[in-house]
PDB file of all heavy atoms in Angstrom:
ATOM      1  N   TRP A   1     -18.824 102.297   8.095  1.00  0.00           N
ATOM      2  CA  TRP A   1     -19.681 101.118   8.229  1.00  0.00           C
ATOM      3  C   TRP A   1     -19.026 100.073   9.128  1.00  0.00           C
ATOM      4  O   TRP A   1     -19.696  99.444   9.953  1.00  0.00           O
ATOM      5  CB  TRP A   1     -19.968 100.515   6.855  1.00  0.00           C
ATOM      6  CG  TRP A   1     -20.714 101.425   5.928  1.00  0.00           C
ATOM      7  CD1 TRP A   1     -21.574 102.424   6.258  1.00  0.00           C
ATOM      8  CD2 TRP A   1     -20.673 101.391   4.493  1.00  0.00           C
ATOM      9  NE1 TRP A   1     -22.071 103.022   5.125  1.00  0.00           N
ATOM     10  CE2 TRP A   1     -21.541 102.414   4.033  1.00  0.00           C
ATOM     11  CE3 TRP A   1     -20.004 100.614   3.557  1.00  0.00           C
ATOM     12  CZ2 TRP A   1     -21.749 102.651   2.669  1.00  0.00           C
ATOM     13  CZ3 TRP A   1     -20.201 100.851   2.200  1.00  0.00           C
ATOM     14  CH2 TRP A   1     -21.068 101.872   1.766  1.00  0.00           C
ATOM     15  N   VAL A   2     -17.698  99.895   8.969  1.00  0.00           N
ATOM     16  CA  VAL A   2     -16.985  98.915   9.801  1.00  0.00           C
ATOM     17  C   VAL A   2     -17.041  99.332  11.273  1.00  0.00           C
ATOM     18  O   VAL A   2     -17.310  98.507  12.159  1.00  0.00           O
ATOM     19  CB  VAL A   2     -15.521  98.775   9.338  1.00  0.00           C
ATOM     20  CG1 VAL A   2     -14.777  97.789  10.244  1.00  0.00           C
ATOM     21  CG2 VAL A   2     -15.447  98.306   7.888  1.00  0.00           C
ATOM     22  N   LYS A   3     -16.782 100.600  11.534  1.00  0.00           N
ATOM     23  CA  LYS A   3     -16.802 101.089  12.911  1.00  0.00           C
ATOM     24  C   LYS A   3     -18.203 100.972  13.503  1.00  0.00           C
ATOM     25  O   LYS A   3     -18.364 100.686  14.700  1.00  0.00           O
ATOM     26  CB  LYS A   3     -16.310 102.528  12.955  1.00  0.00           C
ATOM     27  CG  LYS A   3     -15.865 102.991  14.322  1.00  0.00           C
ATOM     28  CD  LYS A   3     -15.145 104.325  14.257  1.00  0.00           C
ATOM     29  CE  LYS A   3     -14.627 104.750  15.621  1.00  0.00           C
ATOM     30  NZ  LYS A   3     -13.907 106.056  15.559  1.00  0.00           N
ATOM     31  N   ALA A   4     -19.236 101.190  12.652  1.00  0.00           N
ATOM     32  CA  ALA A   4     -20.617 101.032  13.125  1.00  0.00           C
ATOM     33  C   ALA A   4     -20.874  99.600  13.579  1.00  0.00           C
ATOM     34  O   ALA A   4     -21.642  99.360  14.516  1.00  0.00           O
ATOM     35  CB  ALA A   4     -21.589 101.421  12.020  1.00  0.00           C
ATOM     36  N   PHE A   5     -20.224  98.641  12.917  1.00  0.00           N
ATOM     37  CA  PHE A   5     -20.350  97.233  13.303  1.00  0.00           C
ATOM     38  C   PHE A   5     -19.852  97.029  14.736  1.00  0.00           C
ATOM     39  O   PHE A   5     -20.490  96.331  15.533  1.00  0.00           O
ATOM     40  CB  PHE A   5     -19.535  96.365  12.332  1.00  0.00           C
ATOM     41  CG  PHE A   5     -20.330  95.290  11.664  1.00  0.00           C
ATOM     42  CD1 PHE A   5     -21.119  95.580  10.565  1.00  0.00           C
ATOM     43  CD2 PHE A   5     -20.306  93.984  12.126  1.00  0.00           C
ATOM     44  CE1 PHE A   5     -21.855  94.598   9.940  1.00  0.00           C
ATOM     45  CE2 PHE A   5     -21.035  92.996  11.507  1.00  0.00           C
ATOM     46  CZ  PHE A   5     -21.811  93.302  10.413  1.00  0.00           C
ATOM     47  N   ASP A   6     -18.689  97.618  15.041  1.00  0.00           N
ATOM     48  CA  ASP A   6     -18.159  97.520  16.408  1.00  0.00           C
ATOM     49  C   ASP A   6     -19.161  98.056  17.420  1.00  0.00           C
ATOM     50  O   ASP A   6     -19.442  97.419  18.449  1.00  0.00           O
ATOM     51  CB  ASP A   6     -16.859  98.336  16.527  1.00  0.00           C
ATOM     52  CG  ASP A   6     -15.696  97.718  15.768  1.00  0.00           C
ATOM     53  OD1 ASP A   6     -15.574  96.487  15.777  1.00  0.00           O
ATOM     54  OD2 ASP A   6     -14.902  98.479  15.178  1.00  0.00           O
ATOM     55  N   ILE A   7     -19.688  99.250  17.133  1.00  0.00           N
ATOM     56  CA  ILE A   7     -20.615  99.899  18.066  1.00  0.00           C
ATOM     57  C   ILE A   7     -21.897  99.074  18.199  1.00  0.00           C
ATOM     58  O   ILE A   7     -22.425  98.892  19.296  1.00  0.00           O
ATOM     59  CB  ILE A   7     -20.939 101.324  17.591  1.00  0.00           C
ATOM     60  CG1 ILE A   7     -19.669 102.173  17.539  1.00  0.00           C
ATOM     61  CG2 ILE A   7     -21.983 101.983  18.498  1.00  0.00           C
ATOM     62  CD1 ILE A   7     -19.866 103.541  16.906  1.00  0.00           C
ATOM     63  N   LEU A   8     -22.408  98.581  17.062  1.00  0.00           N
ATOM     64  CA  LEU A   8     -23.662  97.822  17.074  1.00  0.00           C
ATOM     65  C   LEU A   8     -23.549  96.581  17.949  1.00  0.00           C
ATOM     66  O   LEU A   8     -24.455  96.284  18.742  1.00  0.00           O
ATOM     67  CB  LEU A   8     -24.044  97.428  15.646  1.00  0.00           C
ATOM     68  CG  LEU A   8     -25.438  96.812  15.501  1.00  0.00           C
ATOM     69  CD1 LEU A   8     -26.501  97.904  15.451  1.00  0.00           C
ATOM     70  CD2 LEU A   8     -25.533  95.946  14.247  1.00  0.00           C
ATOM     71  N   MET A   9     -22.465  95.840  17.812  1.00  0.00           N
ATOM     72  CA  MET A   9     -22.303  94.620  18.604  1.00  0.00           C
ATOM     73  C   MET A   9     -22.239  94.947  20.095  1.00  0.00           C
ATOM     74  O   MET A   9     -22.826  94.245  20.928  1.00  0.00           O
ATOM     75  CB  MET A   9     -21.045  93.875  18.155  1.00  0.00           C
ATOM     76  CG  MET A   9     -21.169  93.239  16.790  1.00  0.00           C
ATOM     77  SD  MET A   9     -22.483  91.973  16.754  1.00  0.00           S
ATOM     78  CE  MET A   9     -22.846  91.918  14.996  1.00  0.00           C
ATOM     79  N   ASP A  10     -21.531  96.025  20.436  1.00  0.00           N
ATOM     80  CA  ASP A  10     -21.485  96.428  21.843  1.00  0.00           C
ATOM     81  C   ASP A  10     -22.868  96.805  22.356  1.00  0.00           C
ATOM     82  O   ASP A  10     -23.233  96.480  23.494  1.00  0.00           O
ATOM     83  CB  ASP A  10     -20.534  97.602  22.019  1.00  0.00           C
ATOM     84  CG  ASP A  10     -19.064  97.180  21.959  1.00  0.00           C
ATOM     85  OD1 ASP A  10     -18.778  96.023  22.291  1.00  0.00           O
ATOM     86  OD2 ASP A  10     -18.221  98.013  21.573  1.00  0.00           O
ATOM     87  N   ARG A  11     -23.655  97.468  21.527  1.00  0.00           N
ATOM     88  CA  ARG A  11     -24.998  97.874  21.956  1.00  0.00           C
ATOM     89  C   ARG A  11     -25.918  96.664  22.131  1.00  0.00           C
ATOM     90  O   ARG A  11     -26.798  96.675  22.997  1.00  0.00           O
ATOM     91  CB  ARG A  11     -25.587  98.876  20.957  1.00  0.00           C
ATOM     92  CG  ARG A  11     -24.932 100.239  21.074  1.00  0.00           C
ATOM     93  CD  ARG A  11     -25.541 101.300  20.188  1.00  0.00           C
ATOM     94  NE  ARG A  11     -24.863 102.578  20.413  1.00  0.00           N
ATOM     95  CZ  ARG A  11     -25.094 103.685  19.732  1.00  0.00           C
ATOM     96  NH1 ARG A  11     -26.020 103.698  18.769  1.00  0.00           N
ATOM     97  NH2 ARG A  11     -24.425 104.791  20.005  1.00  0.00           N
ATOM     98  N   LEU A  12     -25.747  95.654  21.300  1.00  0.00           N
ATOM     99  CA  LEU A  12     -26.519  94.429  21.493  1.00  0.00           C
ATOM    100  C   LEU A  12     -26.213  93.809  22.855  1.00  0.00           C
ATOM    101  O   LEU A  12     -27.124  93.396  23.592  1.00  0.00           O
ATOM    102  CB  LEU A  12     -26.207  93.430  20.379  1.00  0.00           C
ATOM    103  CG  LEU A  12     -26.899  93.644  19.035  1.00  0.00           C
ATOM    104  CD1 LEU A  12     -26.303  92.721  17.978  1.00  0.00           C
ATOM    105  CD2 LEU A  12     -28.402  93.391  19.144  1.00  0.00           C
ATOM    106  N   VAL A  13     -24.935  93.768  23.204  1.00  0.00           N
ATOM    107  CA  VAL A  13     -24.532  93.183  24.482  1.00  0.00           C
ATOM    108  C   VAL A  13     -25.076  94.017  25.646  1.00  0.00           C
ATOM    109  O   VAL A  13     -25.645  93.485  26.602  1.00  0.00           O
ATOM    110  CB  VAL A  13     -22.992  93.073  24.559  1.00  0.00           C
ATOM    111  CG1 VAL A  13     -22.564  92.628  25.956  1.00  0.00           C
ATOM    112  CG2 VAL A  13     -22.474  92.098  23.508  1.00  0.00           C
ATOM    113  N   VAL A  14     -24.938  95.343  25.545  1.00  0.00           N
ATOM    114  CA  VAL A  14     -25.416  96.228  26.612  1.00  0.00           C
ATOM    115  C   VAL A  14     -26.933  96.129  26.767  1.00  0.00           C
ATOM    116  O   VAL A  14     -27.470  96.202  27.876  1.00  0.00           O
ATOM    117  CB  VAL A  14     -25.003  97.684  26.324  1.00  0.00           C
ATOM    118  CG1 VAL A  14     -25.691  98.652  27.279  1.00  0.00           C
ATOM    119  CG2 VAL A  14     -23.495  97.836  26.420  1.00  0.00           C
ATOM    120  N   ALA A  15     -27.644  95.910  25.651  1.00  0.00           N
ATOM    121  CA  ALA A  15     -29.104  95.803  25.695  1.00  0.00           C
ATOM    122  C   ALA A  15     -29.571  94.466  26.261  1.00  0.00           C
ATOM    123  O   ALA A  15     -30.780  94.255  26.426  1.00  0.00           O
ATOM    124  CB  ALA A  15     -29.680  96.002  24.295  1.00  0.00           C
ATOM    125  N   GLY A  16     -28.637  93.572  26.522  1.00  0.00           N
ATOM    126  CA  GLY A  16     -28.994  92.306  27.152  1.00  0.00           C
ATOM    127  C   GLY A  16     -29.158  91.138  26.208  1.00  0.00           C
ATOM    128  O   GLY A  16     -29.670  90.084  26.610  1.00  0.00           O
ATOM    129  N   ALA A  17     -28.726  91.283  24.967  1.00  0.00           N
ATOM    130  CA  ALA A  17     -28.842  90.175  24.018  1.00  0.00           C
ATOM    131  C   ALA A  17     -27.946  89.021  24.441  1.00  0.00           C
ATOM    132  O   ALA A  17     -26.778  89.221  24.785  1.00  0.00           O
ATOM    133  CB  ALA A  17     -28.470  90.649  22.614  1.00  0.00           C
ATOM    134  N   ASP A  18     -28.489  87.824  24.413  1.00  0.00           N
ATOM    135  CA  ASP A  18     -27.701  86.615  24.662  1.00  0.00           C
ATOM    136  C   ASP A  18     -27.269  86.073  23.302  1.00  0.00           C
ATOM    137  O   ASP A  18     -27.969  85.276  22.680  1.00  0.00           O
ATOM    138  CB  ASP A  18     -28.541  85.589  25.419  1.00  0.00           C
ATOM    139  CG  ASP A  18     -27.734  84.339  25.780  1.00  0.00           C
ATOM    140  OD1 ASP A  18     -26.544  84.268  25.404  1.00  0.00           O
ATOM    141  OD2 ASP A  18     -28.315  83.427  26.399  1.00  0.00           O
ATOM    142  N   LEU A  19     -26.119  86.537  22.840  1.00  0.00           N
ATOM    143  CA  LEU A  19     -25.689  86.213  21.485  1.00  0.00           C
ATOM    144  C   LEU A  19     -25.340  84.737  21.324  1.00  0.00           C
ATOM    145  O   LEU A  19     -25.276  84.242  20.197  1.00  0.00           O
ATOM    146  CB  LEU A  19     -24.503  87.106  21.107  1.00  0.00           C
ATOM    147  CG  LEU A  19     -24.811  88.620  21.103  1.00  0.00           C
ATOM    148  CD1 LEU A  19     -23.583  89.426  20.728  1.00  0.00           C
ATOM    149  CD2 LEU A  19     -25.963  88.926  20.158  1.00  0.00           C
ATOM    150  N   ALA A  20     -25.160  84.040  22.430  1.00  0.00           N
ATOM    151  CA  ALA A  20     -24.918  82.596  22.341  1.00  0.00           C
ATOM    152  C   ALA A  20     -26.150  81.848  21.858  1.00  0.00           C
ATOM    153  O   ALA A  20     -26.052  80.702  21.398  1.00  0.00           O
ATOM    154  CB  ALA A  20     -24.477  82.060  23.707  1.00  0.00           C
ATOM    155  N   GLN A  21     -27.335  82.492  21.949  1.00  0.00           N
ATOM    156  CA  GLN A  21     -28.572  81.857  21.497  1.00  0.00           C
ATOM    157  C   GLN A  21     -28.830  82.067  19.997  1.00  0.00           C
ATOM    158  O   GLN A  21     -29.773  81.499  19.446  1.00  0.00           O
ATOM    159  CB  GLN A  21     -29.764  82.415  22.285  1.00  0.00           C
ATOM    160  CG  GLN A  21     -29.723  82.118  23.775  1.00  0.00           C
ATOM    161  CD  GLN A  21     -29.891  80.640  24.065  1.00  0.00           C
ATOM    162  OE1 GLN A  21     -30.568  79.932  23.346  1.00  0.00           O
ATOM    163  NE2 GLN A  21     -29.235  80.166  25.128  1.00  0.00           N
ATOM    164  N   ILE A  22     -28.017  82.904  19.351  1.00  0.00           N
ATOM    165  CA  ILE A  22     -28.228  83.171  17.933  1.00  0.00           C
ATOM    166  C   ILE A  22     -27.822  81.945  17.117  1.00  0.00           C
ATOM    167  O   ILE A  22     -26.655  81.558  17.088  1.00  0.00           O
ATOM    168  CB  ILE A  22     -27.418  84.402  17.471  1.00  0.00           C
ATOM    169  CG1 ILE A  22     -27.759  85.634  18.319  1.00  0.00           C
ATOM    170  CG2 ILE A  22     -27.661  84.674  15.988  1.00  0.00           C
ATOM    171  CD1 ILE A  22     -29.180  86.093  18.196  1.00  0.00           C
ATOM    172  N   ALA A  23     -28.810  81.336  16.460  1.00  0.00           N
ATOM    173  CA  ALA A  23     -28.537  80.132  15.667  1.00  0.00           C
ATOM    174  C   ALA A  23     -28.070  80.461  14.257  1.00  0.00           C
ATOM    175  O   ALA A  23     -27.338  79.681  13.641  1.00  0.00           O
ATOM    176  CB  ALA A  23     -29.789  79.258  15.602  1.00  0.00           C
ATOM    177  N   ALA A  24     -28.502  81.611  13.742  1.00  0.00           N
ATOM    178  CA  ALA A  24     -28.117  82.014  12.385  1.00  0.00           C
ATOM    179  C   ALA A  24     -28.262  83.514  12.260  1.00  0.00           C
ATOM    180  O   ALA A  24     -29.086  84.138  12.931  1.00  0.00           O
ATOM    181  CB  ALA A  24     -28.971  81.301  11.338  1.00  0.00           C
ATOM    182  N   VAL A  25     -27.464  84.086  11.375  1.00  0.00           N
ATOM    183  CA  VAL A  25     -27.496  85.526  11.130  1.00  0.00           C
ATOM    184  C   VAL A  25     -27.460  85.775   9.631  1.00  0.00           C
ATOM    185  O   VAL A  25     -26.808  85.044   8.883  1.00  0.00           O
ATOM    186  CB  VAL A  25     -26.311  86.239  11.841  1.00  0.00           C
ATOM    187  CG1 VAL A  25     -24.986  85.639  11.419  1.00  0.00           C
ATOM    188  CG2 VAL A  25     -26.321  87.735  11.556  1.00  0.00           C
ATOM    189  N   SER A  26     -28.193  86.784   9.211  1.00  0.00           N
ATOM    190  CA  SER A  26     -28.134  87.223   7.823  1.00  0.00           C
ATOM    191  C   SER A  26     -28.275  88.738   7.833  1.00  0.00           C
ATOM    192  O   SER A  26     -28.434  89.360   8.884  1.00  0.00           O
ATOM    193  CB  SER A  26     -29.235  86.578   6.980  1.00  0.00           C
ATOM    194  OG  SER A  26     -29.091  86.910   5.606  1.00  0.00           O
ATOM    195  N   GLY A  27     -28.191  89.349   6.674  1.00  0.00           N
ATOM    196  CA  GLY A  27     -28.239  90.796   6.635  1.00  0.00           C
ATOM    197  C   GLY A  27     -28.730  91.332   5.308  1.00  0.00           C
ATOM    198  O   GLY A  27     -28.931  90.590   4.337  1.00  0.00           O
ATOM    199  N   THR A  28     -28.912  92.631   5.289  1.00  0.00           N
ATOM    200  CA  THR A  28     -29.333  93.331   4.085  1.00  0.00           C
ATOM    201  C   THR A  28     -28.643  94.691   4.074  1.00  0.00           C
ATOM    202  O   THR A  28     -28.117  95.135   5.095  1.00  0.00           O
ATOM    203  CB  THR A  28     -30.865  93.497   4.060  1.00  0.00           C
ATOM    204  OG1 THR A  28     -31.254  94.155   2.857  1.00  0.00           O
ATOM    205  CG2 THR A  28     -31.357  94.323   5.244  1.00  0.00           C
ATOM    206  N   ALA A  29     -28.638  95.329   2.909  1.00  0.00           N
ATOM    207  CA  ALA A  29     -27.991  96.633   2.803  1.00  0.00           C
ATOM    208  C   ALA A  29     -28.581  97.401   1.645  1.00  0.00           C
ATOM    209  O   ALA A  29     -29.224  96.835   0.750  1.00  0.00           O
ATOM    210  CB  ALA A  29     -26.478  96.473   2.624  1.00  0.00           C
ATOM    211  N   GLN A  30     -28.343  98.712   1.667  1.00  0.00           N
ATOM    212  CA  GLN A  30     -28.758  99.571   0.564  1.00  0.00           C
ATOM    213  C   GLN A  30     -28.241  98.985  -0.746  1.00  0.00           C
ATOM    214  O   GLN A  30     -27.079  98.598  -0.863  1.00  0.00           O
ATOM    215  CB  GLN A  30     -28.208 100.975   0.770  1.00  0.00           C
ATOM    216  CG  GLN A  30     -26.709 101.021   1.069  1.00  0.00           C
ATOM    217  CD  GLN A  30     -26.185 102.427   1.240  1.00  0.00           C
ATOM    218  OE1 GLN A  30     -26.206 103.224   0.323  1.00  0.00           O
ATOM    219  NE2 GLN A  30     -25.686 102.720   2.440  1.00  0.00           N
ATOM    220  N   GLN A  31     -29.133  98.889  -1.729  1.00  0.00           N
ATOM    221  CA  GLN A  31     -28.728  98.296  -3.001  1.00  0.00           C
ATOM    222  C   GLN A  31     -27.858  99.255  -3.803  1.00  0.00           C
ATOM    223  O   GLN A  31     -27.895 100.456  -3.623  1.00  0.00           O
ATOM    224  CB  GLN A  31     -29.959  97.911  -3.824  1.00  0.00           C
ATOM    225  CG  GLN A  31     -30.592  96.614  -3.344  1.00  0.00           C
ATOM    226  CD  GLN A  31     -31.466  95.968  -4.398  1.00  0.00           C
ATOM    227  OE1 GLN A  31     -32.664  96.164  -4.407  1.00  0.00           O
ATOM    228  NE2 GLN A  31     -30.869  95.180  -5.268  1.00  0.00           N
ATOM    229  N   HIS A  32     -27.083  98.669  -4.701  1.00  0.00           N
ATOM    230  CA  HIS A  32     -26.312  99.351  -5.747  1.00  0.00           C
ATOM    231  C   HIS A  32     -24.985  99.925  -5.269  1.00  0.00           C
ATOM    232  O   HIS A  32     -24.182 100.346  -6.095  1.00  0.00           O
ATOM    233  CB  HIS A  32     -27.134 100.456  -6.423  1.00  0.00           C
ATOM    234  CG  HIS A  32     -28.508 100.031  -6.821  1.00  0.00           C
ATOM    235  ND1 HIS A  32     -28.749  98.937  -7.622  1.00  0.00           N
ATOM    236  CD2 HIS A  32     -29.732 100.546  -6.523  1.00  0.00           C
ATOM    237  CE1 HIS A  32     -30.050  98.800  -7.789  1.00  0.00           C
ATOM    238  NE2 HIS A  32     -30.671  99.758  -7.130  1.00  0.00           N
ATOM    239  N   GLY A  33     -24.700  99.963  -3.967  1.00  0.00           N
ATOM    240  CA  GLY A  33     -23.384 100.402  -3.521  1.00  0.00           C
ATOM    241  C   GLY A  33     -22.372  99.268  -3.636  1.00  0.00           C
ATOM    242  O   GLY A  33     -22.734  98.092  -3.680  1.00  0.00           O
ATOM    243  N   SER A  34     -21.093  99.619  -3.666  1.00  0.00           N
ATOM    244  CA  SER A  34     -20.064  98.592  -3.853  1.00  0.00           C
ATOM    245  C   SER A  34     -18.846  98.884  -2.987  1.00  0.00           C
ATOM    246  O   SER A  34     -18.530 100.040  -2.688  1.00  0.00           O
ATOM    247  CB  SER A  34     -19.656  98.505  -5.325  1.00  0.00           C
ATOM    248  OG  SER A  34     -19.461  99.791  -5.893  1.00  0.00           O
ATOM    249  N   VAL A  35     -18.157  97.800  -2.578  1.00  0.00           N
ATOM    250  CA  VAL A  35     -16.984  97.871  -1.704  1.00  0.00           C
ATOM    251  C   VAL A  35     -15.818  97.187  -2.413  1.00  0.00           C
ATOM    252  O   VAL A  35     -15.984  96.092  -2.965  1.00  0.00           O
ATOM    253  CB  VAL A  35     -17.263  97.200  -0.340  1.00  0.00           C
ATOM    254  CG1 VAL A  35     -15.998  97.131   0.500  1.00  0.00           C
ATOM    255  CG2 VAL A  35     -18.369  97.956   0.402  1.00  0.00           C
ATOM    256  N   TYR A  36     -14.622  97.797  -2.362  1.00  0.00           N
ATOM    257  CA  TYR A  36     -13.459  97.332  -3.113  1.00  0.00           C
ATOM    258  C   TYR A  36     -12.378  96.883  -2.133  1.00  0.00           C
ATOM    259  O   TYR A  36     -11.729  97.691  -1.483  1.00  0.00           O
ATOM    260  CB  TYR A  36     -12.962  98.453  -4.042  1.00  0.00           C
ATOM    261  CG  TYR A  36     -14.021  98.840  -5.046  1.00  0.00           C
ATOM    262  CD1 TYR A  36     -15.106  99.636  -4.663  1.00  0.00           C
ATOM    263  CD2 TYR A  36     -13.996  98.368  -6.354  1.00  0.00           C
ATOM    264  CE1 TYR A  36     -16.119  99.962  -5.559  1.00  0.00           C
ATOM    265  CE2 TYR A  36     -15.002  98.693  -7.261  1.00  0.00           C
ATOM    266  CZ  TYR A  36     -16.055  99.481  -6.854  1.00  0.00           C
ATOM    267  OH  TYR A  36     -17.060  99.786  -7.744  1.00  0.00           O
ATOM    268  N   TRP A  37     -12.224  95.568  -2.025  1.00  0.00           N
ATOM    269  CA  TRP A  37     -11.284  94.978  -1.084  1.00  0.00           C
ATOM    270  C   TRP A  37      -9.868  95.023  -1.660  1.00  0.00           C
ATOM    271  O   TRP A  37      -9.614  94.558  -2.770  1.00  0.00           O
ATOM    272  CB  TRP A  37     -11.654  93.530  -0.793  1.00  0.00           C
ATOM    273  CG  TRP A  37     -12.981  93.323  -0.135  1.00  0.00           C
ATOM    274  CD1 TRP A  37     -14.166  93.017  -0.748  1.00  0.00           C
ATOM    275  CD2 TRP A  37     -13.263  93.359   1.266  1.00  0.00           C
ATOM    276  NE1 TRP A  37     -15.166  92.878   0.179  1.00  0.00           N
ATOM    277  CE2 TRP A  37     -14.654  93.076   1.425  1.00  0.00           C
ATOM    278  CE3 TRP A  37     -12.491  93.604   2.404  1.00  0.00           C
ATOM    279  CZ2 TRP A  37     -15.263  93.030   2.672  1.00  0.00           C
ATOM    280  CZ3 TRP A  37     -13.104  93.556   3.650  1.00  0.00           C
ATOM    281  CH2 TRP A  37     -14.479  93.275   3.776  1.00  0.00           C
ATOM    282  N   GLN A  38      -8.941  95.543  -0.861  1.00  0.00           N
ATOM    283  CA  GLN A  38      -7.534  95.579  -1.238  1.00  0.00           C
ATOM    284  C   GLN A  38      -6.959  94.162  -1.259  1.00  0.00           C
ATOM    285  O   GLN A  38      -7.421  93.283  -0.530  1.00  0.00           O
ATOM    286  CB  GLN A  38      -6.772  96.424  -0.214  1.00  0.00           C
ATOM    287  CG  GLN A  38      -5.285  96.586  -0.423  1.00  0.00           C
ATOM    288  CD  GLN A  38      -4.979  97.511  -1.578  1.00  0.00           C
ATOM    289  OE1 GLN A  38      -4.775  97.039  -2.693  1.00  0.00           O
ATOM    290  NE2 GLN A  38      -4.957  98.814  -1.323  1.00  0.00           N
ATOM    291  N   LYS A  39      -5.984  93.933  -2.110  1.00  0.00           N
ATOM    292  CA  LYS A  39      -5.328  92.628  -2.119  1.00  0.00           C
ATOM    293  C   LYS A  39      -4.778  92.318  -0.736  1.00  0.00           C
ATOM    294  O   LYS A  39      -4.150  93.156  -0.096  1.00  0.00           O
ATOM    295  CB  LYS A  39      -4.202  92.608  -3.157  1.00  0.00           C
ATOM    296  CG  LYS A  39      -4.705  92.598  -4.599  1.00  0.00           C
ATOM    297  CD  LYS A  39      -3.576  92.566  -5.608  1.00  0.00           C
ATOM    298  CE  LYS A  39      -4.142  92.531  -7.031  1.00  0.00           C
ATOM    299  NZ  LYS A  39      -3.059  92.547  -8.064  1.00  0.00           N
ATOM    300  N   GLY A  40      -5.045  91.104  -0.269  1.00  0.00           N
ATOM    301  CA  GLY A  40      -4.658  90.701   1.072  1.00  0.00           C
ATOM    302  C   GLY A  40      -5.760  90.835   2.092  1.00  0.00           C
ATOM    303  O   GLY A  40      -5.623  90.362   3.242  1.00  0.00           O
TER     304      GLY A  40
END
């Protein structure tokens, strides 16, 4: 999922998105899954 984030942002830029115009961002995801952050 993290690596997909890298690819997605690059594809937005290649597609011509002017990300400086983005005033706000939000998101959604498949429900019920969970992520466990390591200390630090």
